[in-house]
Amino acid sequence: MSKREQLIQELEQAPEKLVQTVLDFLHRVKATRKPHPLAKFAGILSDAKAAELQQTIAADCRQVDLHEW
């Protein structure tokens, strides 16, 4: 059972006053929640491009040359 289904099941059995309290809380959270500044970039890469980028980072960016200095 998903969390959503569990919540709905609990709300169906809850007194109306508690349902109203939960609803008010949900509305307050939604009204004050600000999107993350990087959220606009979510999903702009295809899965193939993202995998390629991860592979490149793993291969090239994690190399330390101890004799470089």
Protein backbone atom coordinates (compact mmCIF):
# COMPACT_ATOMS: atom_id res chain seq x y z
CA MET A 1 0.00 0.00 0.00
CA SER A 2 1.40 3.40 -0.97
CA LYS A 3 1.78 6.29 1.46
CA ARG A 4 -1.02 8.11 -0.35
CA GLU A 5 -3.34 5.13 0.06
CA GLN A 6 -2.41 4.87 3.75
CA LEU A 7 -3.15 8.55 4.27
CA ILE A 8 -6.51 8.30 2.51
CA GLN A 9 -7.40 5.25 4.60
CA GLU A 10 -6.49 7.09 7.81
CA LEU A 11 -8.43 10.19 6.75
CA GLU A 12 -11.51 8.12 5.95
CA GLN A 13 -11.55 6.91 9.56
CA ALA A 14 -10.62 10.23 11.18
CA PRO A 15 -13.08 12.68 12.72
CA GLU A 16 -14.04 15.64 10.54
CA LYS A 17 -12.23 18.11 12.79
CA LEU A 18 -8.94 16.23 12.33
CA VAL A 19 -9.50 16.03 8.56
CA GLN A 20 -9.95 19.83 8.51
CA THR A 21 -6.76 20.30 10.54
CA VAL A 22 -4.77 18.12 8.15
CA LEU A 23 -6.25 19.95 5.16
CA ASP A 24 -5.38 23.34 6.64
CA PHE A 25 -1.83 22.15 7.33
CA LEU A 26 -1.45 20.89 3.76
CA HIS A 27 -2.63 24.23 2.37
CA ARG A 28 -0.16 26.15 4.58
CA VAL A 29 2.73 23.93 3.53
CA LYS A 30 1.88 24.29 -0.16
CA ALA A 31 1.55 28.07 0.16
CA THR A 32 4.90 28.55 1.90
CA ARG A 33 6.92 25.96 0.02
CA LYS A 34 9.37 27.51 -2.39
CA PRO A 35 10.76 25.56 -5.34
CA HIS A 36 14.43 24.71 -5.20
CA PRO A 37 16.49 27.06 -7.41
CA LEU A 38 17.91 24.12 -9.36
CA ALA A 39 14.49 22.53 -9.96
CA LYS A 40 14.19 24.25 -13.34
CA PHE A 41 17.06 22.09 -14.58
CA ALA A 42 15.48 18.78 -13.58
CA GLY A 43 14.86 16.52 -16.54
CA ILE A 44 16.71 18.55 -19.17
CA LEU A 45 19.13 15.70 -19.96
CA SER A 46 18.05 12.50 -21.62
CA ASP A 47 18.89 9.29 -19.76
CA ALA A 48 21.60 8.53 -22.31
CA LYS A 49 23.23 11.96 -21.95
CA ALA A 50 23.05 11.76 -18.16
CA ALA A 51 24.69 8.33 -18.18
CA GLU A 52 27.41 9.62 -20.52
CA LEU A 53 28.05 12.59 -18.24
CA GLN A 54 28.25 10.37 -15.16
CA GLN A 55 30.68 8.06 -16.92
CA THR A 56 32.87 10.98 -18.01
CA ILE A 57 32.93 12.39 -14.48
CA ALA A 58 33.82 9.01 -13.01
CA ALA A 59 36.60 8.45 -15.53
CA ASP A 60 38.14 11.92 -15.73
CA CYS A 61 37.27 13.95 -12.66
CA ARG A 62 38.25 11.55 -9.93
CA GLN A 63 41.86 11.18 -11.00
CA VAL A 64 44.51 12.65 -8.72
CA ASP A 65 48.05 13.04 -9.97
CA LEU A 66 50.19 13.02 -6.84
CA HIS A 67 53.24 14.19 -8.81
CA GLU A 68 51.48 17.15 -10.42
CA TRP A 69 52.70 19.63 -7.81
